[in-house]
Amino acid sequence: MSAIRTILNMTALTGLGYGLWALIPPGEEKRREIIKNLPESNPIRMEETRKRNALVMQKLKEAAETSENIARGLGGSAK
């Protein structure tokens, strides 16, 4: 019983520590650095992402409109 209580106490303290750590926001300078390094801040990368998303959505739409099993073509030789 003592071992279970010890494990529960350690778990509770760890959870409390993580909760307090998560509440502390980063400084303004650190926040600006994080935002600057996000992929969304690079216009070229954002355009590539938009194009890739458009191609994926086009393929999903085509797959939804057909009764063929398009997954069979993946990994095999192209026809």
PDB file of N, CA and C in Angstrom:
ATOM      1  N   MET A   1       0.822  -1.183   0.000  1.00  0.00           N
ATOM      2  CA  MET A   1       0.000   0.000   0.000  1.00  0.00           C
ATOM      3  C   MET A   1       0.874   1.258   0.000  1.00  0.00           C
ATOM      4  N   SER A   2       1.982   1.188   0.704  1.00  0.00           N
ATOM      5  CA  SER A   2       2.889   2.322   0.792  1.00  0.00           C
ATOM      6  C   SER A   2       3.519   2.621  -0.571  1.00  0.00           C
ATOM      7  N   ALA A   3       3.822   1.558  -1.331  1.00  0.00           N
ATOM      8  CA  ALA A   3       4.427   1.755  -2.645  1.00  0.00           C
ATOM      9  C   ALA A   3       3.438   2.430  -3.591  1.00  0.00           C
ATOM     10  N   ILE A   4       2.188   2.044  -3.525  1.00  0.00           N
ATOM     11  CA  ILE A   4       1.167   2.649  -4.386  1.00  0.00           C
ATOM     12  C   ILE A   4       0.999   4.120  -4.036  1.00  0.00           C
ATOM     13  N   ARG A   5       0.986   4.435  -2.745  1.00  0.00           N
ATOM     14  CA  ARG A   5       0.851   5.820  -2.294  1.00  0.00           C
ATOM     15  C   ARG A   5       2.049   6.648  -2.783  1.00  0.00           C
ATOM     16  N   THR A   6       3.235   6.080  -2.711  1.00  0.00           N
ATOM     17  CA  THR A   6       4.436   6.785  -3.161  1.00  0.00           C
ATOM     18  C   THR A   6       4.369   7.057  -4.657  1.00  0.00           C
ATOM     19  N   ILE A   7       3.952   6.070  -5.418  1.00  0.00           N
ATOM     20  CA  ILE A   7       3.832   6.241  -6.870  1.00  0.00           C
ATOM     21  C   ILE A   7       2.792   7.301  -7.198  1.00  0.00           C
ATOM     22  N   LEU A   8       1.659   7.283  -6.506  1.00  0.00           N
ATOM     23  CA  LEU A   8       0.615   8.286  -6.740  1.00  0.00           C
ATOM     24  C   LEU A   8       1.112   9.682  -6.387  1.00  0.00           C
ATOM     25  N   ASN A   9       1.853   9.808  -5.293  1.00  0.00           N
ATOM     26  CA  ASN A   9       2.391  11.115  -4.897  1.00  0.00           C
ATOM     27  C   ASN A   9       3.386  11.630  -5.928  1.00  0.00           C
ATOM     28  N   MET A  10       4.235  10.748  -6.411  1.00  0.00           N
ATOM     29  CA  MET A  10       5.221  11.161  -7.415  1.00  0.00           C
ATOM     30  C   MET A  10       4.524  11.570  -8.716  1.00  0.00           C
ATOM     31  N   THR A  11       3.489  10.832  -9.096  1.00  0.00           N
ATOM     32  CA  THR A  11       2.731  11.163 -10.299  1.00  0.00           C
ATOM     33  C   THR A  11       2.043  12.512 -10.142  1.00  0.00           C
ATOM     34  N   ALA A  12       1.455  12.745  -8.981  1.00  0.00           N
ATOM     35  CA  ALA A  12       0.770  14.010  -8.729  1.00  0.00           C
ATOM     36  C   ALA A  12       1.758  15.173  -8.759  1.00  0.00           C
ATOM     37  N   LEU A  13       2.905  15.004  -8.140  1.00  0.00           N
ATOM     38  CA  LEU A  13       3.906  16.073  -8.134  1.00  0.00           C
ATOM     39  C   LEU A  13       4.447  16.343  -9.539  1.00  0.00           C
ATOM     40  N   THR A  14       4.641  15.292 -10.304  1.00  0.00           N
ATOM     41  CA  THR A  14       5.104  15.463 -11.680  1.00  0.00           C
ATOM     42  C   THR A  14       4.054  16.209 -12.497  1.00  0.00           C
ATOM     43  N   GLY A  15       2.800  15.830 -12.343  1.00  0.00           N
ATOM     44  CA  GLY A  15       1.719  16.512 -13.053  1.00  0.00           C
ATOM     45  C   GLY A  15       1.606  17.968 -12.644  1.00  0.00           C
ATOM     46  N   LEU A  16       1.756  18.242 -11.368  1.00  0.00           N
ATOM     47  CA  LEU A  16       1.699  19.616 -10.874  1.00  0.00           C
ATOM     48  C   LEU A  16       2.860  20.422 -11.431  1.00  0.00           C
ATOM     49  N   GLY A  17       4.045  19.833 -11.447  1.00  0.00           N
ATOM     50  CA  GLY A  17       5.211  20.528 -11.992  1.00  0.00           C
ATOM     51  C   GLY A  17       5.042  20.831 -13.463  1.00  0.00           C
ATOM     52  N   TYR A  18       4.542  19.872 -14.217  1.00  0.00           N
ATOM     53  CA  TYR A  18       4.321  20.092 -15.644  1.00  0.00           C
ATOM     54  C   TYR A  18       3.267  21.173 -15.859  1.00  0.00           C
ATOM     55  N   GLY A  19       2.207  21.134 -15.071  1.00  0.00           N
ATOM     56  CA  GLY A  19       1.149  22.142 -15.192  1.00  0.00           C
ATOM     57  C   GLY A  19       1.671  23.542 -14.930  1.00  0.00           C
ATOM     58  N   LEU A  20       2.490  23.689 -13.897  1.00  0.00           N
ATOM     59  CA  LEU A  20       3.062  25.005 -13.599  1.00  0.00           C
ATOM     60  C   LEU A  20       4.028  25.438 -14.699  1.00  0.00           C
ATOM     61  N   TRP A  21       4.803  24.503 -15.217  1.00  0.00           N
ATOM     62  CA  TRP A  21       5.751  24.820 -16.287  1.00  0.00           C
ATOM     63  C   TRP A  21       5.007  25.264 -17.541  1.00  0.00           C
ATOM     64  N   ALA A  22       3.877  24.640 -17.830  1.00  0.00           N
ATOM     65  CA  ALA A  22       3.107  24.971 -19.023  1.00  0.00           C
ATOM     66  C   ALA A  22       2.438  26.341 -18.905  1.00  0.00           C
ATOM     67  N   LEU A  23       2.195  26.796 -17.682  1.00  0.00           N
ATOM     68  CA  LEU A  23       1.542  28.086 -17.490  1.00  0.00           C
ATOM     69  C   LEU A  23       2.467  29.269 -17.754  1.00  0.00           C
ATOM     70  N   ILE A  24       3.764  29.051 -17.642  1.00  0.00           N
ATOM     71  CA  ILE A  24       4.710  30.151 -17.803  1.00  0.00           C
ATOM     72  C   ILE A  24       4.959  30.372 -19.291  1.00  0.00           C
ATOM     73  N   PRO A  25       4.529  31.514 -19.823  1.00  0.00           N
ATOM     74  CA  PRO A  25       4.714  31.770 -21.254  1.00  0.00           C
ATOM     75  C   PRO A  25       6.168  32.164 -21.541  1.00  0.00           C
ATOM     76  N   PRO A  26       6.621  31.933 -22.773  1.00  0.00           N
ATOM     77  CA  PRO A  26       7.986  32.355 -23.124  1.00  0.00           C
ATOM     78  C   PRO A  26       8.070  33.876 -23.188  1.00  0.00           C
ATOM     79  N   GLY A  27       9.270  34.401 -23.084  1.00  0.00           N
ATOM     80  CA  GLY A  27       9.475  35.848 -23.171  1.00  0.00           C
ATOM     81  C   GLY A  27       9.152  36.363 -24.558  1.00  0.00           C
ATOM     82  N   GLU A  28       9.029  37.682 -24.662  1.00  0.00           N
ATOM     83  CA  GLU A  28       8.661  38.311 -25.929  1.00  0.00           C
ATOM     84  C   GLU A  28       9.698  38.026 -27.015  1.00  0.00           C
ATOM     85  N   GLU A  29      10.973  38.093 -26.665  1.00  0.00           N
ATOM     86  CA  GLU A  29      12.021  37.838 -27.651  1.00  0.00           C
ATOM     87  C   GLU A  29      11.976  36.397 -28.140  1.00  0.00           C
ATOM     88  N   LYS A  30      11.780  35.459 -27.222  1.00  0.00           N
ATOM     89  CA  LYS A  30      11.694  34.046 -27.588  1.00  0.00           C
ATOM     90  C   LYS A  30      10.473  33.809 -28.474  1.00  0.00           C
ATOM     91  N   ARG A  31       9.357  34.455 -28.156  1.00  0.00           N
ATOM     92  CA  ARG A  31       8.134  34.315 -28.946  1.00  0.00           C
ATOM     93  C   ARG A  31       8.349  34.808 -30.368  1.00  0.00           C
ATOM     94  N   ARG A  32       9.029  35.952 -30.521  1.00  0.00           N
ATOM     95  CA  ARG A  32       9.309  36.477 -31.864  1.00  0.00           C
ATOM     96  C   ARG A  32      10.198  35.522 -32.651  1.00  0.00           C
ATOM     97  N   GLU A  33      11.176  34.930 -31.978  1.00  0.00           N
ATOM     98  CA  GLU A  33      12.069  33.982 -32.649  1.00  0.00           C
ATOM     99  C   GLU A  33      11.299  32.741 -33.104  1.00  0.00           C
ATOM    100  N   ILE A  34      10.397  32.266 -32.263  1.00  0.00           N
ATOM    101  CA  ILE A  34       9.587  31.092 -32.613  1.00  0.00           C
ATOM    102  C   ILE A  34       8.717  31.412 -33.820  1.00  0.00           C
ATOM    103  N   ILE A  35       8.066  32.563 -33.811  1.00  0.00           N
ATOM    104  CA  ILE A  35       7.182  32.959 -34.909  1.00  0.00           C
ATOM    105  C   ILE A  35       7.983  33.135 -36.195  1.00  0.00           C
ATOM    106  N   LYS A  36       9.188  33.693 -36.084  1.00  0.00           N
ATOM    107  CA  LYS A  36      10.024  33.912 -37.264  1.00  0.00           C
ATOM    108  C   LYS A  36      10.420  32.595 -37.916  1.00  0.00           C
ATOM    109  N   ASN A  37      10.589  31.549 -37.125  1.00  0.00           N
ATOM    110  CA  ASN A  37      11.040  30.264 -37.647  1.00  0.00           C
ATOM    111  C   ASN A  37       9.904  29.324 -38.037  1.00  0.00           C
ATOM    112  N   LEU A  38       8.674  29.754 -37.900  1.00  0.00           N
ATOM    113  CA  LEU A  38       7.550  28.914 -38.307  1.00  0.00           C
ATOM    114  C   LEU A  38       7.516  28.795 -39.824  1.00  0.00           C
ATOM    115  N   PRO A  39       7.126  27.634 -40.326  1.00  0.00           N
ATOM    116  CA  PRO A  39       7.052  27.473 -41.790  1.00  0.00           C
ATOM    117  C   PRO A  39       6.083  28.449 -42.444  1.00  0.00           C
ATOM    118  N   GLU A  40       5.053  28.862 -41.729  1.00  0.00           N
ATOM    119  CA  GLU A  40       4.049  29.766 -42.294  1.00  0.00           C
ATOM    120  C   GLU A  40       4.619  31.152 -42.577  1.00  0.00           C
ATOM    121  N   SER A  41       5.755  31.488 -41.965  1.00  0.00           N
ATOM    122  CA  SER A  41       6.320  32.820 -42.171  1.00  0.00           C
ATOM    123  C   SER A  41       7.144  32.901 -43.455  1.00  0.00           C
ATOM    124  N   ASN A  42       7.405  31.765 -44.093  1.00  0.00           N
ATOM    125  CA  ASN A  42       8.172  31.738 -45.337  1.00  0.00           C
ATOM    126  C   ASN A  42       7.189  31.651 -46.505  1.00  0.00           C
ATOM    127  N   PRO A  43       7.076  32.717 -47.321  1.00  0.00           N
ATOM    128  CA  PRO A  43       6.082  32.724 -48.403  1.00  0.00           C
ATOM    129  C   PRO A  43       6.292  31.621 -49.440  1.00  0.00           C
ATOM    130  N   ILE A  44       7.540  31.291 -49.732  1.00  0.00           N
ATOM    131  CA  ILE A  44       7.812  30.242 -50.729  1.00  0.00           C
ATOM    132  C   ILE A  44       7.316  28.896 -50.208  1.00  0.00           C
ATOM    133  N   ARG A  45       7.609  28.613 -48.962  1.00  0.00           N
ATOM    134  CA  ARG A  45       7.181  27.343 -48.377  1.00  0.00           C
ATOM    135  C   ARG A  45       5.651  27.278 -48.262  1.00  0.00           C
ATOM    136  N   MET A  46       5.037  28.401 -47.946  1.00  0.00           N
ATOM    137  CA  MET A  46       3.571  28.427 -47.859  1.00  0.00           C
ATOM    138  C   MET A  46       2.951  28.133 -49.218  1.00  0.00           C
ATOM    139  N   GLU A  47       3.522  28.686 -50.294  1.00  0.00           N
ATOM    140  CA  GLU A  47       2.987  28.434 -51.637  1.00  0.00           C
ATOM    141  C   GLU A  47       3.139  26.966 -52.012  1.00  0.00           C
ATOM    142  N   GLU A  48       4.286  26.365 -51.656  1.00  0.00           N
ATOM    143  CA  GLU A  48       4.484  24.940 -51.912  1.00  0.00           C
ATOM    144  C   GLU A  48       3.454  24.111 -51.151  1.00  0.00           C
ATOM    145  N   THR A  49       3.187  24.502 -49.920  1.00  0.00           N
ATOM    146  CA  THR A  49       2.207  23.787 -49.107  1.00  0.00           C
ATOM    147  C   THR A  49       0.818  23.910 -49.717  1.00  0.00           C
ATOM    148  N   ARG A  50       0.466  25.102 -50.196  1.00  0.00           N
ATOM    149  CA  ARG A  50      -0.843  25.297 -50.834  1.00  0.00           C
ATOM    150  C   ARG A  50      -0.991  24.412 -52.080  1.00  0.00           C
ATOM    151  N   LYS A  51       0.070  24.368 -52.886  1.00  0.00           N
ATOM    152  CA  LYS A  51       0.026  23.545 -54.099  1.00  0.00           C
ATOM    153  C   LYS A  51      -0.113  22.065 -53.753  1.00  0.00           C
ATOM    154  N   ARG A  52       0.658  21.621 -52.767  1.00  0.00           N
ATOM    155  CA  ARG A  52       0.593  20.212 -52.359  1.00  0.00           C
ATOM    156  C   ARG A  52      -0.796  19.881 -51.806  1.00  0.00           C
ATOM    157  N   ASN A  53      -1.344  20.767 -50.999  1.00  0.00           N
ATOM    158  CA  ASN A  53      -2.682  20.540 -50.455  1.00  0.00           C
ATOM    159  C   ASN A  53      -3.731  20.501 -51.564  1.00  0.00           C
ATOM    160  N   ALA A  54      -3.574  21.362 -52.570  1.00  0.00           N
ATOM    161  CA  ALA A  54      -4.520  21.366 -53.686  1.00  0.00           C
ATOM    162  C   ALA A  54      -4.442  20.049 -54.457  1.00  0.00           C
ATOM    163  N   LEU A  55      -3.221  19.534 -54.672  1.00  0.00           N
ATOM    164  CA  LEU A  55      -3.073  18.259 -55.372  1.00  0.00           C
ATOM    165  C   LEU A  55      -3.679  17.110 -54.571  1.00  0.00           C
ATOM    166  N   VAL A  56      -3.459  17.120 -53.268  1.00  0.00           N
ATOM    167  CA  VAL A  56      -4.024  16.066 -52.420  1.00  0.00           C
ATOM    168  C   VAL A  56      -5.542  16.124 -52.458  1.00  0.00           C
ATOM    169  N   MET A  57      -6.107  17.326 -52.351  1.00  0.00           N
ATOM    170  CA  MET A  57      -7.563  17.462 -52.380  1.00  0.00           C
ATOM    171  C   MET A  57      -8.124  17.030 -53.742  1.00  0.00           C
ATOM    172  N   GLN A  58      -7.400  17.321 -54.820  1.00  0.00           N
ATOM    173  CA  GLN A  58      -7.841  16.905 -56.148  1.00  0.00           C
ATOM    174  C   GLN A  58      -7.869  15.376 -56.235  1.00  0.00           C
ATOM    175  N   LYS A  59      -6.828  14.725 -55.743  1.00  0.00           N
ATOM    176  CA  LYS A  59      -6.776  13.261 -55.777  1.00  0.00           C
ATOM    177  C   LYS A  59      -7.866  12.654 -54.901  1.00  0.00           C
ATOM    178  N   LEU A  60      -8.125  13.262 -53.741  1.00  0.00           N
ATOM    179  CA  LEU A  60      -9.193  12.757 -52.871  1.00  0.00           C
ATOM    180  C   LEU A  60     -10.557  12.894 -53.551  1.00  0.00           C
ATOM    181  N   LYS A  61     -10.746  14.015 -54.243  1.00  0.00           N
ATOM    182  CA  LYS A  61     -12.015  14.215 -54.947  1.00  0.00           C
ATOM    183  C   LYS A  61     -12.176  13.175 -56.057  1.00  0.00           C
ATOM    184  N   GLU A  62     -11.090  12.936 -56.811  1.00  0.00           N
ATOM    185  CA  GLU A  62     -11.146  11.927 -57.869  1.00  0.00           C
ATOM    186  C   GLU A  62     -11.425  10.545 -57.292  1.00  0.00           C
ATOM    187  N   ALA A  63     -10.796  10.240 -56.174  1.00  0.00           N
ATOM    188  CA  ALA A  63     -10.997   8.936 -55.540  1.00  0.00           C
ATOM    189  C   ALA A  63     -12.426   8.788 -55.041  1.00  0.00           C
ATOM    190  N   ALA A  64     -13.015   9.863 -54.570  1.00  0.00           N
ATOM    191  CA  ALA A  64     -14.381   9.802 -54.063  1.00  0.00           C
ATOM    192  C   ALA A  64     -15.393   9.621 -55.198  1.00  0.00           C
ATOM    193  N   GLU A  65     -15.038  10.088 -56.380  1.00  0.00           N
ATOM    194  CA  GLU A  65     -15.967  10.016 -57.501  1.00  0.00           C
ATOM    195  C   GLU A  65     -15.887   8.703 -58.267  1.00  0.00           C
ATOM    196  N   THR A  66     -14.923   7.858 -57.966  1.00  0.00           N
ATOM    197  CA  THR A  66     -14.780   6.597 -58.684  1.00  0.00           C
ATOM    198  C   THR A  66     -15.086   5.424 -57.765  1.00  0.00           C
ATOM    199  N   SER A  67     -15.444   4.319 -58.369  1.00  0.00           N
ATOM    200  CA  SER A  67     -15.697   3.123 -57.571  1.00  0.00           C
ATOM    201  C   SER A  67     -14.480   2.197 -57.575  1.00  0.00           C
ATOM    202  N   GLU A  68     -13.421   2.625 -58.271  1.00  0.00           N
ATOM    203  CA  GLU A  68     -12.185   1.845 -58.337  1.00  0.00           C
ATOM    204  C   GLU A  68     -11.460   1.893 -57.000  1.00  0.00           C
ATOM    205  N   ASN A  69     -10.684   0.855 -56.740  1.00  0.00           N
ATOM    206  CA  ASN A  69      -9.845   0.847 -55.557  1.00  0.00           C
ATOM    207  C   ASN A  69      -8.486   1.406 -55.966  1.00  0.00           C
ATOM    208  N   ILE A  70      -8.275   2.703 -55.739  1.00  0.00           N
ATOM    209  CA  ILE A  70      -7.045   3.329 -56.189  1.00  0.00           C
ATOM    210  C   ILE A  70      -5.850   2.920 -55.340  1.00  0.00           C
ATOM    211  N   ALA A  71      -6.089   2.366 -54.171  1.00  0.00           N
ATOM    212  CA  ALA A  71      -4.997   1.936 -53.290  1.00  0.00           C
ATOM    213  C   ALA A  71      -4.219   0.777 -53.922  1.00  0.00           C
ATOM    214  N   ARG A  72      -4.851   0.028 -54.800  1.00  0.00           N
ATOM    215  CA  ARG A  72      -4.140  -1.091 -55.452  1.00  0.00           C
ATOM    216  C   ARG A  72      -3.009  -0.593 -56.332  1.00  0.00           C
ATOM    217  N   GLY A  73      -3.126   0.613 -56.855  1.00  0.00           N
ATOM    218  CA  GLY A  73      -2.100   1.158 -57.719  1.00  0.00           C
ATOM    219  C   GLY A  73      -0.898   1.686 -56.964  1.00  0.00           C
ATOM    220  N   LEU A  74      -1.034   1.898 -55.659  1.00  0.00           N
ATOM    221  CA  LEU A  74       0.066   2.427 -54.887  1.00  0.00           C
ATOM    222  C   LEU A  74       1.102   1.350 -54.642  1.00  0.00           C
ATOM    223  N   GLY A  75       2.338   1.689 -54.820  1.00  0.00           N
ATOM    224  CA  GLY A  75       3.424   0.766 -54.543  1.00  0.00           C
ATOM    225  C   GLY A  75       3.705  -0.215 -55.668  1.00  0.00           C
ATOM    226  N   GLY A  76       2.828  -0.314 -56.608  1.00  0.00           N
ATOM    227  CA  GLY A  76       3.023  -1.228 -57.741  1.00  0.00           C
ATOM    228  C   GLY A  76       3.590  -0.487 -58.926  1.00  0.00           C
ATOM    229  N   SER A  77       3.689  -1.149 -60.032  1.00  0.00           N
ATOM    230  CA  SER A  77       4.190  -0.491 -61.233  1.00  0.00           C
ATOM    231  C   SER A  77       3.080   0.368 -61.837  1.00  0.00           C
ATOM    232  N   ALA A  78       3.497   1.472 -62.418  1.00  0.00           N
ATOM    233  CA  ALA A  78       2.527   2.392 -63.033  1.00  0.00           C
ATOM    234  C   ALA A  78       2.005   1.803 -64.327  1.00  0.00           C
ATOM    235  N   LYS A  79       0.748   2.049 -64.605  1.00  0.00           N
ATOM    236  CA  LYS A  79       0.127   1.527 -65.829  1.00  0.00           C
ATOM    237  C   LYS A  79       0.108   2.564 -66.895  1.00  0.00           C
TER     238      LYS A  79
END
